[in-house]
């Protein structure tokens, strides 16, 4: 068995577990197809400030703005780990240094 492919024992165990839960493999496929797409960052980020405190809005507002600038039309589940790393590095290199900044 390879590192990514399930062997017969794993498949049998999965079938048994699904059967005990009353779920068929077809149910899983149908549920995946019926799931609505994730919202875009442009759709979701404006909702976030209403769910957090004023302090959190002040602390993270600039970061939310950057995310919208770079990924506004992307869906929440689209950025890859390497894209997230690139955005983090971009933000670090384009930071505006302020007199009251806390730098180590």
C-alpha atoms as a PDB file:
ATOM      1  CA  UNK A   1       0.000   0.000   0.000  1.00  0.00           C
ATOM      2  CA  UNK A   2       1.329   3.471  -0.855  1.00  0.00           C
ATOM      3  CA  UNK A   3       1.362   6.407   1.578  1.00  0.00           C
ATOM      4  CA  UNK A   4      -1.736   7.965   0.002  1.00  0.00           C
ATOM      5  CA  UNK A   5      -3.877   5.037  -1.162  1.00  0.00           C
ATOM      6  CA  UNK A   6      -6.159   3.245   1.277  1.00  0.00           C
ATOM      7  CA  UNK A   7      -5.721  -0.499   1.561  1.00  0.00           C
ATOM      8  CA  UNK A   8      -8.471  -3.085   1.637  1.00  0.00           C
ATOM      9  CA  UNK A   9      -8.580  -3.158   5.449  1.00  0.00           C
ATOM     10  CA  UNK A  10      -8.993   0.627   5.652  1.00  0.00           C
ATOM     11  CA  UNK A  11     -11.737   0.604   3.023  1.00  0.00           C
ATOM     12  CA  UNK A  12     -13.554  -2.213   4.801  1.00  0.00           C
ATOM     13  CA  UNK A  13     -13.317  -0.313   8.091  1.00  0.00           C
ATOM     14  CA  UNK A  14     -14.655   2.854   6.446  1.00  0.00           C
ATOM     15  CA  UNK A  15     -17.577   0.949   4.911  1.00  0.00           C
ATOM     16  CA  UNK A  16     -18.386  -0.637   8.272  1.00  0.00           C
ATOM     17  CA  UNK A  17     -18.262   2.708  10.061  1.00  0.00           C
ATOM     18  CA  UNK A  18     -20.460   4.358   7.427  1.00  0.00           C
ATOM     19  CA  UNK A  19     -22.964   1.482   7.599  1.00  0.00           C
ATOM     20  CA  UNK A  20     -23.173   1.768  11.399  1.00  0.00           C
ATOM     21  CA  UNK A  21     -23.796   5.495  11.030  1.00  0.00           C
ATOM     22  CA  UNK A  22     -26.509   4.873   8.432  1.00  0.00           C
ATOM     23  CA  UNK A  23     -24.535   6.663   5.713  1.00  0.00           C
ATOM     24  CA  UNK A  24     -23.936   5.289   2.235  1.00  0.00           C
ATOM     25  CA  UNK A  25     -20.959   6.241   0.068  1.00  0.00           C
ATOM     26  CA  UNK A  26     -23.501   7.800  -2.315  1.00  0.00           C
ATOM     27  CA  UNK A  27     -24.684  10.056   0.539  1.00  0.00           C
ATOM     28  CA  UNK A  28     -21.136  11.399   0.850  1.00  0.00           C
ATOM     29  CA  UNK A  29     -20.881  12.101  -2.873  1.00  0.00           C
ATOM     30  CA  UNK A  30     -24.275  13.816  -2.991  1.00  0.00           C
ATOM     31  CA  UNK A  31     -23.467  15.946   0.060  1.00  0.00           C
ATOM     32  CA  UNK A  32     -20.207  17.091  -1.516  1.00  0.00           C
ATOM     33  CA  UNK A  33     -21.980  18.068  -4.728  1.00  0.00           C
ATOM     34  CA  UNK A  34     -24.791  19.889  -2.913  1.00  0.00           C
ATOM     35  CA  UNK A  35     -22.458  21.985  -0.756  1.00  0.00           C
ATOM     36  CA  UNK A  36     -22.525  25.665  -1.747  1.00  0.00           C
ATOM     37  CA  UNK A  37     -19.215  27.244  -2.705  1.00  0.00           C
ATOM     38  CA  UNK A  38     -17.303  29.123  -0.034  1.00  0.00           C
ATOM     39  CA  UNK A  39     -17.819  32.884  -0.068  1.00  0.00           C
ATOM     40  CA  UNK A  40     -15.158  35.184  -1.455  1.00  0.00           C
ATOM     41  CA  UNK A  41     -13.020  37.258   0.871  1.00  0.00           C
ATOM     42  CA  UNK A  42     -14.850  40.336  -0.456  1.00  0.00           C
ATOM     43  CA  UNK A  43     -18.141  38.794   0.629  1.00  0.00           C
ATOM     44  CA  UNK A  44     -16.979  37.544   4.019  1.00  0.00           C
ATOM     45  CA  UNK A  45     -14.444  39.997   5.436  1.00  0.00           C
ATOM     46  CA  UNK A  46     -16.976  42.852   5.798  1.00  0.00           C
ATOM     47  CA  UNK A  47     -19.059  40.550   8.038  1.00  0.00           C
ATOM     48  CA  UNK A  48     -16.205  39.896  10.460  1.00  0.00           C
ATOM     49  CA  UNK A  49     -16.007  43.323  12.178  1.00  0.00           C
ATOM     50  CA  UNK A  50     -19.594  42.997  13.376  1.00  0.00           C
ATOM     51  CA  UNK A  51     -18.677  39.791  15.213  1.00  0.00           C
ATOM     52  CA  UNK A  52     -15.649  41.106  17.121  1.00  0.00           C
ATOM     53  CA  UNK A  53     -14.863  43.758  19.708  1.00  0.00           C
ATOM     54  CA  UNK A  54     -13.763  47.305  18.912  1.00  0.00           C
ATOM     55  CA  UNK A  55     -10.226  46.489  20.072  1.00  0.00           C
ATOM     56  CA  UNK A  56     -10.040  43.541  17.712  1.00  0.00           C
ATOM     57  CA  UNK A  57     -11.313  45.713  14.849  1.00  0.00           C
ATOM     58  CA  UNK A  58      -8.570  48.255  15.548  1.00  0.00           C
ATOM     59  CA  UNK A  59      -5.888  45.572  15.840  1.00  0.00           C
ATOM     60  CA  UNK A  60      -6.805  43.578  12.747  1.00  0.00           C
ATOM     61  CA  UNK A  61      -8.550  46.066  10.465  1.00  0.00           C
ATOM     62  CA  UNK A  62      -5.395  46.847   8.493  1.00  0.00           C
ATOM     63  CA  UNK A  63      -4.750  43.139   7.914  1.00  0.00           C
ATOM     64  CA  UNK A  64      -8.316  42.543   6.745  1.00  0.00           C
ATOM     65  CA  UNK A  65      -7.844  45.427   4.307  1.00  0.00           C
ATOM     66  CA  UNK A  66      -4.682  43.792   2.905  1.00  0.00           C
ATOM     67  CA  UNK A  67      -6.462  40.480   2.485  1.00  0.00           C
ATOM     68  CA  UNK A  68      -9.221  42.231   0.538  1.00  0.00           C
ATOM     69  CA  UNK A  69      -6.665  44.032  -1.651  1.00  0.00           C
ATOM     70  CA  UNK A  70      -4.849  40.821  -2.535  1.00  0.00           C
ATOM     71  CA  UNK A  71      -7.522  38.128  -2.423  1.00  0.00           C
ATOM     72  CA  UNK A  72     -10.861  39.952  -2.588  1.00  0.00           C
ATOM     73  CA  UNK A  73     -12.269  37.828  -5.419  1.00  0.00           C
ATOM     74  CA  UNK A  74     -10.785  34.530  -4.209  1.00  0.00           C
ATOM     75  CA  UNK A  75     -12.919  32.107  -2.256  1.00  0.00           C
ATOM     76  CA  UNK A  76     -11.997  31.484   1.386  1.00  0.00           C
ATOM     77  CA  UNK A  77     -10.858  27.938   0.601  1.00  0.00           C
ATOM     78  CA  UNK A  78      -8.640  28.860  -2.366  1.00  0.00           C
ATOM     79  CA  UNK A  79      -5.380  30.339  -0.994  1.00  0.00           C
ATOM     80  CA  UNK A  80      -2.658  27.751  -0.630  1.00  0.00           C
ATOM     81  CA  UNK A  81      -0.227  27.675   2.306  1.00  0.00           C
ATOM     82  CA  UNK A  82       2.481  29.137   0.065  1.00  0.00           C
ATOM     83  CA  UNK A  83       0.170  31.997  -0.984  1.00  0.00           C
ATOM     84  CA  UNK A  84      -0.525  32.737   2.671  1.00  0.00           C
ATOM     85  CA  UNK A  85       3.214  32.786   3.370  1.00  0.00           C
ATOM     86  CA  UNK A  86       3.794  35.145   0.419  1.00  0.00           C
ATOM     87  CA  UNK A  87       1.119  37.539   1.655  1.00  0.00           C
ATOM     88  CA  UNK A  88       2.587  37.477   5.172  1.00  0.00           C
ATOM     89  CA  UNK A  89       6.046  38.281   3.772  1.00  0.00           C
ATOM     90  CA  UNK A  90       4.583  41.046   1.602  1.00  0.00           C
ATOM     91  CA  UNK A  91       2.908  42.619   4.616  1.00  0.00           C
ATOM     92  CA  UNK A  92       6.153  42.397   6.634  1.00  0.00           C
ATOM     93  CA  UNK A  93       8.193  44.084   3.896  1.00  0.00           C
ATOM     94  CA  UNK A  94       5.617  46.820   3.269  1.00  0.00           C
ATOM     95  CA  UNK A  95       4.897  47.720   6.884  1.00  0.00           C
ATOM     96  CA  UNK A  96       4.823  51.400   7.785  1.00  0.00           C
ATOM     97  CA  UNK A  97       7.121  51.848  10.778  1.00  0.00           C
ATOM     98  CA  UNK A  98       5.574  54.017  13.440  1.00  0.00           C
ATOM     99  CA  UNK A  99       7.280  55.665  16.380  1.00  0.00           C
ATOM    100  CA  UNK A 100       5.225  53.670  18.860  1.00  0.00           C
ATOM    101  CA  UNK A 101       5.773  50.316  17.130  1.00  0.00           C
ATOM    102  CA  UNK A 102       6.921  47.446  19.316  1.00  0.00           C
ATOM    103  CA  UNK A 103       9.875  45.841  17.583  1.00  0.00           C
ATOM    104  CA  UNK A 104      12.101  43.271  19.159  1.00  0.00           C
END
